[in-house]
Amino acid sequence: MTFKKTQPPKQGDFALYELWNSYNNIFQLFNPFPDLYDDTATDYYYFGWESVNGDWLIRRRTKTSSAYTDCNSQHNPSHPDLAVAWVDRASLTYP
């Protein structure tokens, strides 16, 4: 069974519905599994999330030390959504 984060599973499928609710509550509307993933860059892994209300987050993690930094629309106001930000993920501002 598949479902979109923007549309929860039916309440009749209780276990899946509860899982969906707990993830959305714990991760503040971000799924713990990324929507987008890129491991093709030489030095970094990139993970991208988009929340049900349209906020986005991209995490850049180094391949050697696993240290990471996050960026979002507050740091990159010219990128209104994940689709636009994902294209420019390597050149975004990571504070």
PDB file of N, CA and C in Angstrom:
ATOM      1  N   MET A   1       0.836  -1.172   0.000  1.00  0.00           N
ATOM      2  CA  MET A   1       0.000   0.000   0.000  1.00  0.00           C
ATOM      3  C   MET A   1       0.884   1.239   0.000  1.00  0.00           C
ATOM      4  N   THR A   2       0.532   2.210  -0.789  1.00  0.00           N
ATOM      5  CA  THR A   2       1.270   3.467  -0.813  1.00  0.00           C
ATOM      6  C   THR A   2       0.306   4.603  -0.497  1.00  0.00           C
ATOM      7  N   PHE A   3       0.858   5.680  -0.007  1.00  0.00           N
ATOM      8  CA  PHE A   3       0.068   6.874   0.240  1.00  0.00           C
ATOM      9  C   PHE A   3       0.988   8.074   0.174  1.00  0.00           C
ATOM     10  N   LYS A   4       0.399   9.240  -0.056  1.00  0.00           N
ATOM     11  CA  LYS A   4       1.160  10.477  -0.093  1.00  0.00           C
ATOM     12  C   LYS A   4       1.182  11.075   1.305  1.00  0.00           C
ATOM     13  N   LYS A   5       2.254  11.768   1.629  1.00  0.00           N
ATOM     14  CA  LYS A   5       2.328  12.412   2.934  1.00  0.00           C
ATOM     15  C   LYS A   5       1.238  13.467   3.079  1.00  0.00           C
ATOM     16  N   THR A   6       0.804  14.048   1.956  1.00  0.00           N
ATOM     17  CA  THR A   6      -0.213  15.080   2.032  1.00  0.00           C
ATOM     18  C   THR A   6      -1.595  14.490   2.241  1.00  0.00           C
ATOM     19  N   GLN A   7      -1.735  13.190   2.099  1.00  0.00           N
ATOM     20  CA  GLN A   7      -3.020  12.536   2.289  1.00  0.00           C
ATOM     21  C   GLN A   7      -2.802  11.272   3.119  1.00  0.00           C
ATOM     22  N   PRO A   8      -3.281  11.271   4.344  1.00  0.00           N
ATOM     23  CA  PRO A   8      -3.034  10.108   5.205  1.00  0.00           C
ATOM     24  C   PRO A   8      -3.777   8.877   4.710  1.00  0.00           C
ATOM     25  N   PRO A   9      -3.332   7.707   5.130  1.00  0.00           N
ATOM     26  CA  PRO A   9      -4.082   6.495   4.819  1.00  0.00           C
ATOM     27  C   PRO A   9      -5.435   6.528   5.523  1.00  0.00           C
ATOM     28  N   LYS A  10      -6.355   5.702   5.086  1.00  0.00           N
ATOM     29  CA  LYS A  10      -7.687   5.656   5.688  1.00  0.00           C
ATOM     30  C   LYS A  10      -7.594   5.180   7.135  1.00  0.00           C
ATOM     31  N   GLN A  11      -8.454   5.707   7.969  1.00  0.00           N
ATOM     32  CA  GLN A  11      -8.440   5.341   9.379  1.00  0.00           C
ATOM     33  C   GLN A  11      -8.746   3.867   9.575  1.00  0.00           C
ATOM     34  N   GLY A  12      -9.376   3.216   8.593  1.00  0.00           N
ATOM     35  CA  GLY A  12      -9.662   1.794   8.685  1.00  0.00           C
ATOM     36  C   GLY A  12      -8.396   0.957   8.748  1.00  0.00           C
ATOM     37  N   ASP A  13      -7.309   1.444   8.150  1.00  0.00           N
ATOM     38  CA  ASP A  13      -6.021   0.762   8.234  1.00  0.00           C
ATOM     39  C   ASP A  13      -5.303   1.368   9.436  1.00  0.00           C
ATOM     40  N   PHE A  14      -5.724   0.946  10.622  1.00  0.00           N
ATOM     41  CA  PHE A  14      -5.333   1.589  11.868  1.00  0.00           C
ATOM     42  C   PHE A  14      -3.823   1.681  12.063  1.00  0.00           C
ATOM     43  N   ALA A  15      -3.095   0.596  11.848  1.00  0.00           N
ATOM     44  CA  ALA A  15      -1.642   0.598  12.099  1.00  0.00           C
ATOM     45  C   ALA A  15      -0.936   1.605  11.203  1.00  0.00           C
ATOM     46  N   LEU A  16      -1.275   1.615   9.934  1.00  0.00           N
ATOM     47  CA  LEU A  16      -0.637   2.545   9.005  1.00  0.00           C
ATOM     48  C   LEU A  16      -1.037   3.979   9.317  1.00  0.00           C
ATOM     49  N   TYR A  17      -2.292   4.181   9.684  1.00  0.00           N
ATOM     50  CA  TYR A  17      -2.759   5.519  10.036  1.00  0.00           C
ATOM     51  C   TYR A  17      -2.029   6.038  11.278  1.00  0.00           C
ATOM     52  N   GLU A  18      -1.883   5.212  12.295  1.00  0.00           N
ATOM     53  CA  GLU A  18      -1.177   5.613  13.512  1.00  0.00           C
ATOM     54  C   GLU A  18       0.295   5.903  13.221  1.00  0.00           C
ATOM     55  N   LEU A  19       0.925   5.104  12.371  1.00  0.00           N
ATOM     56  CA  LEU A  19       2.310   5.341  11.992  1.00  0.00           C
ATOM     57  C   LEU A  19       2.434   6.691  11.296  1.00  0.00           C
ATOM     58  N   TRP A  20       1.532   6.964  10.378  1.00  0.00           N
ATOM     59  CA  TRP A  20       1.547   8.240   9.645  1.00  0.00           C
ATOM     60  C   TRP A  20       1.406   9.400  10.632  1.00  0.00           C
ATOM     61  N   ASN A  21       0.459   9.293  11.568  1.00  0.00           N
ATOM     62  CA  ASN A  21       0.260  10.356  12.560  1.00  0.00           C
ATOM     63  C   ASN A  21       1.476  10.540  13.450  1.00  0.00           C
ATOM     64  N   SER A  22       2.076   9.461  13.910  1.00  0.00           N
ATOM     65  CA  SER A  22       3.221   9.592  14.802  1.00  0.00           C
ATOM     66  C   SER A  22       4.401  10.226  14.085  1.00  0.00           C
ATOM     67  N   TYR A  23       4.655   9.839  12.847  1.00  0.00           N
ATOM     68  CA  TYR A  23       5.738  10.467  12.100  1.00  0.00           C
ATOM     69  C   TYR A  23       5.485  11.949  11.906  1.00  0.00           C
ATOM     70  N   ASN A  24       4.272  12.320  11.572  1.00  0.00           N
ATOM     71  CA  ASN A  24       3.977  13.732  11.354  1.00  0.00           C
ATOM     72  C   ASN A  24       4.064  14.530  12.641  1.00  0.00           C
ATOM     73  N   ASN A  25       3.703  13.948  13.769  1.00  0.00           N
ATOM     74  CA  ASN A  25       3.822  14.662  15.037  1.00  0.00           C
ATOM     75  C   ASN A  25       5.268  14.760  15.496  1.00  0.00           C
ATOM     76  N   ILE A  26       5.995  13.671  15.429  1.00  0.00           N
ATOM     77  CA  ILE A  26       7.371  13.648  15.912  1.00  0.00           C
ATOM     78  C   ILE A  26       8.288  14.514  15.051  1.00  0.00           C
ATOM     79  N   PHE A  27       8.142  14.414  13.760  1.00  0.00           N
ATOM     80  CA  PHE A  27       9.059  15.102  12.864  1.00  0.00           C
ATOM     81  C   PHE A  27       8.492  16.407  12.339  1.00  0.00           C
ATOM     82  N   GLN A  28       7.467  16.927  13.003  1.00  0.00           N
ATOM     83  CA  GLN A  28       6.878  18.205  12.657  1.00  0.00           C
ATOM     84  C   GLN A  28       6.544  18.276  11.166  1.00  0.00           C
ATOM     85  N   LEU A  29       5.817  17.307  10.717  1.00  0.00           N
ATOM     86  CA  LEU A  29       5.313  17.208   9.350  1.00  0.00           C
ATOM     87  C   LEU A  29       6.361  16.796   8.333  1.00  0.00           C
ATOM     88  N   PHE A  30       7.565  16.454   8.750  1.00  0.00           N
ATOM     89  CA  PHE A  30       8.558  15.903   7.841  1.00  0.00           C
ATOM     90  C   PHE A  30       8.638  14.404   8.055  1.00  0.00           C
ATOM     91  N   ASN A  31       8.522  13.651   6.999  1.00  0.00           N
ATOM     92  CA  ASN A  31       8.638  12.210   7.054  1.00  0.00           C
ATOM     93  C   ASN A  31      10.075  11.844   7.430  1.00  0.00           C
ATOM     94  N   PRO A  32      10.303  10.821   8.232  1.00  0.00           N
ATOM     95  CA  PRO A  32      11.681  10.471   8.584  1.00  0.00           C
ATOM     96  C   PRO A  32      12.468   9.906   7.401  1.00  0.00           C
ATOM     97  N   PHE A  33      11.781   9.502   6.374  1.00  0.00           N
ATOM     98  CA  PHE A  33      12.440   9.010   5.172  1.00  0.00           C
ATOM     99  C   PHE A  33      12.430  10.119   4.134  1.00  0.00           C
ATOM    100  N   PRO A  34      13.558  10.429   3.533  1.00  0.00           N
ATOM    101  CA  PRO A  34      13.595  11.562   2.604  1.00  0.00           C
ATOM    102  C   PRO A  34      12.747  11.325   1.361  1.00  0.00           C
ATOM    103  N   ASP A  35      12.243  12.434   0.827  1.00  0.00           N
ATOM    104  CA  ASP A  35      11.517  12.387  -0.436  1.00  0.00           C
ATOM    105  C   ASP A  35      12.483  12.245  -1.604  1.00  0.00           C
ATOM    106  N   LEU A  36      13.653  12.859  -1.448  1.00  0.00           N
ATOM    107  CA  LEU A  36      14.676  12.828  -2.497  1.00  0.00           C
ATOM    108  C   LEU A  36      16.018  12.442  -1.878  1.00  0.00           C
ATOM    109  N   TYR A  37      16.843  11.791  -2.665  1.00  0.00           N
ATOM    110  CA  TYR A  37      18.145  11.332  -2.190  1.00  0.00           C
ATOM    111  C   TYR A  37      19.119  11.363  -3.357  1.00  0.00           C
ATOM    112  N   ASP A  38      20.334  11.821  -3.092  1.00  0.00           N
ATOM    113  CA  ASP A  38      21.365  11.855  -4.126  1.00  0.00           C
ATOM    114  C   ASP A  38      22.694  11.442  -3.512  1.00  0.00           C
ATOM    115  N   ASP A  39      23.296  10.385  -4.059  1.00  0.00           N
ATOM    116  CA  ASP A  39      24.607   9.947  -3.582  1.00  0.00           C
ATOM    117  C   ASP A  39      25.660  10.026  -4.675  1.00  0.00           C
ATOM    118  N   THR A  40      25.374  10.787  -5.736  1.00  0.00           N
ATOM    119  CA  THR A  40      26.289  10.855  -6.875  1.00  0.00           C
ATOM    120  C   THR A  40      27.390  11.898  -6.722  1.00  0.00           C
ATOM    121  N   ALA A  41      27.241  12.848  -5.812  1.00  0.00           N
ATOM    122  CA  ALA A  41      28.277  13.869  -5.613  1.00  0.00           C
ATOM    123  C   ALA A  41      29.516  13.216  -5.005  1.00  0.00           C
ATOM    124  N   THR A  42      30.662  13.787  -5.275  1.00  0.00           N
ATOM    125  CA  THR A  42      31.922  13.228  -4.805  1.00  0.00           C
ATOM    126  C   THR A  42      32.065  13.276  -3.291  1.00  0.00           C
ATOM    127  N   ASP A  43      31.719  14.410  -2.688  1.00  0.00           N
ATOM    128  CA  ASP A  43      31.973  14.611  -1.261  1.00  0.00           C
ATOM    129  C   ASP A  43      30.747  14.517  -0.355  1.00  0.00           C
ATOM    130  N   TYR A  44      29.538  14.623  -0.918  1.00  0.00           N
ATOM    131  CA  TYR A  44      28.339  14.728  -0.088  1.00  0.00           C
ATOM    132  C   TYR A  44      27.232  13.764  -0.508  1.00  0.00           C
ATOM    133  N   TYR A  45      26.406  13.437   0.477  1.00  0.00           N
ATOM    134  CA  TYR A  45      25.093  12.844   0.240  1.00  0.00           C
ATOM    135  C   TYR A  45      24.090  13.975   0.434  1.00  0.00           C
ATOM    136  N   TYR A  46      23.035  13.997  -0.346  1.00  0.00           N
ATOM    137  CA  TYR A  46      21.981  14.981  -0.178  1.00  0.00           C
ATOM    138  C   TYR A  46      20.658  14.266   0.077  1.00  0.00           C
ATOM    139  N   PHE A  47      19.898  14.781   1.059  1.00  0.00           N
ATOM    140  CA  PHE A  47      18.591  14.251   1.391  1.00  0.00           C
ATOM    141  C   PHE A  47      17.609  15.413   1.353  1.00  0.00           C
ATOM    142  N   GLY A  48      16.473  15.227   0.740  1.00  0.00           N
ATOM    143  CA  GLY A  48      15.490  16.301   0.640  1.00  0.00           C
ATOM    144  C   GLY A  48      14.130  15.893   1.168  1.00  0.00           C
ATOM    145  N   TRP A  49      13.510  16.790   1.935  1.00  0.00           N
ATOM    146  CA  TRP A  49      12.184  16.565   2.493  1.00  0.00           C
ATOM    147  C   TRP A  49      11.281  17.734   2.152  1.00  0.00           C
ATOM    148  N   GLU A  50      10.010  17.424   1.979  1.00  0.00           N
ATOM    149  CA  GLU A  50       8.995  18.464   1.846  1.00  0.00           C
ATOM    150  C   GLU A  50       7.847  18.109   2.782  1.00  0.00           C
ATOM    151  N   SER A  51       7.415  19.087   3.560  1.00  0.00           N
ATOM    152  CA  SER A  51       6.353  18.830   4.535  1.00  0.00           C
ATOM    153  C   SER A  51       4.987  18.962   3.871  1.00  0.00           C
ATOM    154  N   VAL A  52       3.969  18.576   4.598  1.00  0.00           N
ATOM    155  CA  VAL A  52       2.618  18.670   4.063  1.00  0.00           C
ATOM    156  C   VAL A  52       2.175  20.112   3.856  1.00  0.00           C
ATOM    157  N   ASN A  53       2.800  21.052   4.533  1.00  0.00           N
ATOM    158  CA  ASN A  53       2.431  22.456   4.343  1.00  0.00           C
ATOM    159  C   ASN A  53       3.368  23.182   3.371  1.00  0.00           C
ATOM    160  N   GLY A  54       4.249  22.454   2.688  1.00  0.00           N
ATOM    161  CA  GLY A  54       5.075  23.052   1.647  1.00  0.00           C
ATOM    162  C   GLY A  54       6.465  23.482   2.078  1.00  0.00           C
ATOM    163  N   ASP A  55       6.779  23.420   3.369  1.00  0.00           N
ATOM    164  CA  ASP A  55       8.142  23.729   3.808  1.00  0.00           C
ATOM    165  C   ASP A  55       9.087  22.665   3.260  1.00  0.00           C
ATOM    166  N   TRP A  56      10.333  23.030   3.076  1.00  0.00           N
ATOM    167  CA  TRP A  56      11.304  22.044   2.594  1.00  0.00           C
ATOM    168  C   TRP A  56      12.581  22.125   3.415  1.00  0.00           C
ATOM    169  N   LEU A  57      13.320  21.029   3.369  1.00  0.00           N
ATOM    170  CA  LEU A  57      14.579  20.907   4.084  1.00  0.00           C
ATOM    171  C   LEU A  57      15.502  20.036   3.244  1.00  0.00           C
ATOM    172  N   ILE A  58      16.731  20.486   3.070  1.00  0.00           N
ATOM    173  CA  ILE A  58      17.748  19.668   2.407  1.00  0.00           C
ATOM    174  C   ILE A  58      18.904  19.498   3.380  1.00  0.00           C
ATOM    175  N   ARG A  59      19.303  18.261   3.571  1.00  0.00           N
ATOM    176  CA  ARG A  59      20.431  17.934   4.443  1.00  0.00           C
ATOM    177  C   ARG A  59      21.608  17.494   3.571  1.00  0.00           C
ATOM    178  N   ARG A  60      22.756  18.129   3.791  1.00  0.00           N
ATOM    179  CA  ARG A  60      23.995  17.764   3.088  1.00  0.00           C
ATOM    180  C   ARG A  60      24.906  17.093   4.101  1.00  0.00           C
ATOM    181  N   ARG A  61      25.223  15.836   3.854  1.00  0.00           N
ATOM    182  CA  ARG A  61      26.065  15.058   4.783  1.00  0.00           C
ATOM    183  C   ARG A  61      27.362  14.675   4.093  1.00  0.00           C
ATOM    184  N   THR A  62      28.477  14.905   4.769  1.00  0.00           N
ATOM    185  CA  THR A  62      29.766  14.557   4.180  1.00  0.00           C
ATOM    186  C   THR A  62      29.926  13.044   4.143  1.00  0.00           C
ATOM    187  N   LYS A  63      30.563  12.561   3.104  1.00  0.00           N
ATOM    188  CA  LYS A  63      30.764  11.123   2.963  1.00  0.00           C
ATOM    189  C   LYS A  63      31.871  10.603   3.868  1.00  0.00           C
ATOM    190  N   THR A  64      32.799  11.446   4.257  1.00  0.00           N
ATOM    191  CA  THR A  64      33.929  10.981   5.056  1.00  0.00           C
ATOM    192  C   THR A  64      33.657  10.977   6.555  1.00  0.00           C
ATOM    193  N   SER A  65      32.951  11.987   7.064  1.00  0.00           N
ATOM    194  CA  SER A  65      32.769  12.082   8.518  1.00  0.00           C
ATOM    195  C   SER A  65      31.318  11.964   8.971  1.00  0.00           C
ATOM    196  N   SER A  66      30.410  11.964   8.059  1.00  0.00           N
ATOM    197  CA  SER A  66      28.973  11.935   8.356  1.00  0.00           C
ATOM    198  C   SER A  66      28.473  13.204   9.042  1.00  0.00           C
ATOM    199  N   ALA A  67      29.285  14.250   9.105  1.00  0.00           N
ATOM    200  CA  ALA A  67      28.810  15.534   9.611  1.00  0.00           C
ATOM    201  C   ALA A  67      27.810  16.087   8.607  1.00  0.00           C
ATOM    202  N   TYR A  68      26.818  16.823   9.116  1.00  0.00           N
ATOM    203  CA  TYR A  68      25.814  17.331   8.195  1.00  0.00           C
ATOM    204  C   TYR A  68      25.410  18.757   8.539  1.00  0.00           C
ATOM    205  N   THR A  69      24.874  19.432   7.546  1.00  0.00           N
ATOM    206  CA  THR A  69      24.272  20.750   7.706  1.00  0.00           C
ATOM    207  C   THR A  69      22.943  20.730   6.966  1.00  0.00           C
ATOM    208  N   ASP A  70      22.017  21.532   7.452  1.00  0.00           N
ATOM    209  CA  ASP A  70      20.690  21.613   6.854  1.00  0.00           C
ATOM    210  C   ASP A  70      20.466  23.010   6.298  1.00  0.00           C
ATOM    211  N   CYS A  71      19.655  23.076   5.268  1.00  0.00           N
ATOM    212  CA  CYS A  71      19.217  24.371   4.761  1.00  0.00           C
ATOM    213  C   CYS A  71      17.730  24.280   4.436  1.00  0.00           C
ATOM    214  N   ASN A  72      17.097  25.443   4.374  1.00  0.00           N
ATOM    215  CA  ASN A  72      15.681  25.513   4.061  1.00  0.00           C
ATOM    216  C   ASN A  72      15.382  26.840   3.384  1.00  0.00           C
ATOM    217  N   SER A  73      14.104  27.165   3.244  1.00  0.00           N
ATOM    218  CA  SER A  73      13.732  28.391   2.533  1.00  0.00           C
ATOM    219  C   SER A  73      14.103  29.654   3.303  1.00  0.00           C
ATOM    220  N   GLN A  74      14.286  29.573   4.612  1.00  0.00           N
ATOM    221  CA  GLN A  74      14.730  30.743   5.371  1.00  0.00           C
ATOM    222  C   GLN A  74      16.141  31.153   4.964  1.00  0.00           C
ATOM    223  N   HIS A  75      16.995  30.175   4.684  1.00  0.00           N
ATOM    224  CA  HIS A  75      18.363  30.450   4.280  1.00  0.00           C
ATOM    225  C   HIS A  75      18.465  30.707   2.785  1.00  0.00           C
ATOM    226  N   ASN A  76      17.459  30.292   2.031  1.00  0.00           N
ATOM    227  CA  ASN A  76      17.469  30.383   0.568  1.00  0.00           C
ATOM    228  C   ASN A  76      16.107  30.861   0.072  1.00  0.00           C
ATOM    229  N   PRO A  77      15.767  32.125   0.320  1.00  0.00           N
ATOM    230  CA  PRO A  77      14.422  32.611  -0.001  1.00  0.00           C
ATOM    231  C   PRO A  77      14.087  32.613  -1.494  1.00  0.00           C
ATOM    232  N   SER A  78      15.077  32.538  -2.343  1.00  0.00           N
ATOM    233  CA  SER A  78      14.793  32.507  -3.788  1.00  0.00           C
ATOM    234  C   SER A  78      14.383  31.119  -4.268  1.00  0.00           C
ATOM    235  N   HIS A  79      14.331  30.164  -3.371  1.00  0.00           N
ATOM    236  CA  HIS A  79      13.931  28.791  -3.693  1.00  0.00           C
ATOM    237  C   HIS A  79      12.648  28.473  -2.920  1.00  0.00           C
ATOM    238  N   PRO A  80      11.496  28.699  -3.538  1.00  0.00           N
ATOM    239  CA  PRO A  80      10.220  28.586  -2.825  1.00  0.00           C
ATOM    240  C   PRO A  80       9.761  27.174  -2.486  1.00  0.00           C
ATOM    241  N   ASP A  81      10.272  26.180  -3.203  1.00  0.00           N
ATOM    242  CA  ASP A  81       9.832  24.812  -2.929  1.00  0.00           C
ATOM    243  C   ASP A  81      10.976  23.831  -3.155  1.00  0.00           C
ATOM    244  N   LEU A  82      10.750  22.595  -2.762  1.00  0.00           N
ATOM    245  CA  LEU A  82      11.795  21.582  -2.836  1.00  0.00           C
ATOM    246  C   LEU A  82      12.218  21.303  -4.275  1.00  0.00           C
ATOM    247  N   ALA A  83      11.295  21.315  -5.197  1.00  0.00           N
ATOM    248  CA  ALA A  83      11.637  21.026  -6.598  1.00  0.00           C
ATOM    249  C   ALA A  83      12.668  22.014  -7.132  1.00  0.00           C
ATOM    250  N   VAL A  84      12.485  23.279  -6.836  1.00  0.00           N
ATOM    251  CA  VAL A  84      13.432  24.315  -7.284  1.00  0.00           C
ATOM    252  C   VAL A  84      14.738  24.197  -6.514  1.00  0.00           C
ATOM    253  N   ALA A  85      14.648  24.009  -5.207  1.00  0.00           N
ATOM    254  CA  ALA A  85      15.853  23.928  -4.370  1.00  0.00           C
ATOM    255  C   ALA A  85      16.683  22.699  -4.711  1.00  0.00           C
ATOM    256  N   TRP A  86      16.032  21.593  -5.022  1.00  0.00           N
ATOM    257  CA  TRP A  86      16.752  20.348  -5.280  1.00  0.00           C
ATOM    258  C   TRP A  86      17.674  20.477  -6.485  1.00  0.00           C
ATOM    259  N   VAL A  87      17.240  21.196  -7.481  1.00  0.00           N
ATOM    260  CA  VAL A  87      18.065  21.398  -8.679  1.00  0.00           C
ATOM    261  C   VAL A  87      19.360  22.116  -8.319  1.00  0.00           C
ATOM    262  N   ASP A  88      19.284  23.060  -7.382  1.00  0.00           N
ATOM    263  CA  ASP A  88      20.450  23.863  -6.981  1.00  0.00           C
ATOM    264  C   ASP A  88      21.070  23.401  -5.665  1.00  0.00           C
ATOM    265  N   ARG A  89      20.820  22.186  -5.236  1.00  0.00           N
ATOM    266  CA  ARG A  89      21.245  21.717  -3.900  1.00  0.00           C
ATOM    267  C   ARG A  89      22.721  21.907  -3.626  1.00  0.00           C
ATOM    268  N   ALA A  90      23.567  21.786  -4.603  1.00  0.00           N
ATOM    269  CA  ALA A  90      25.013  21.914  -4.368  1.00  0.00           C
ATOM    270  C   ALA A  90      25.429  23.362  -4.126  1.00  0.00           C
ATOM    271  N   SER A  91      24.647  24.321  -4.606  1.00  0.00           N
ATOM    272  CA  SER A  91      25.044  25.721  -4.462  1.00  0.00           C
ATOM    273  C   SER A  91      24.187  26.501  -3.464  1.00  0.00           C
ATOM    274  N   LEU A  92      23.323  25.830  -2.720  1.00  0.00           N
ATOM    275  CA  LEU A  92      22.498  26.512  -1.734  1.00  0.00           C
ATOM    276  C   LEU A  92      23.335  26.984  -0.544  1.00  0.00           C
ATOM    277  N   THR A  93      22.769  27.871   0.247  1.00  0.00           N
ATOM    278  CA  THR A  93      23.424  28.348   1.458  1.00  0.00           C
ATOM    279  C   THR A  93      23.119  27.395   2.595  1.00  0.00           C
ATOM    280  N   TYR A  94      24.156  26.753   3.097  1.00  0.00           N
ATOM    281  CA  TYR A  94      24.056  25.852   4.244  1.00  0.00           C
ATOM    282  C   TYR A  94      24.723  26.537   5.420  1.00  0.00           C
ATOM    283  N   PRO A  95      23.937  27.032   6.398  1.00  0.00           N
ATOM    284  CA  PRO A  95      24.542  27.782   7.507  1.00  0.00           C
ATOM    285  C   PRO A  95      25.357  26.910   8.441  1.00  0.00           C
TER     286      PRO A  95
END
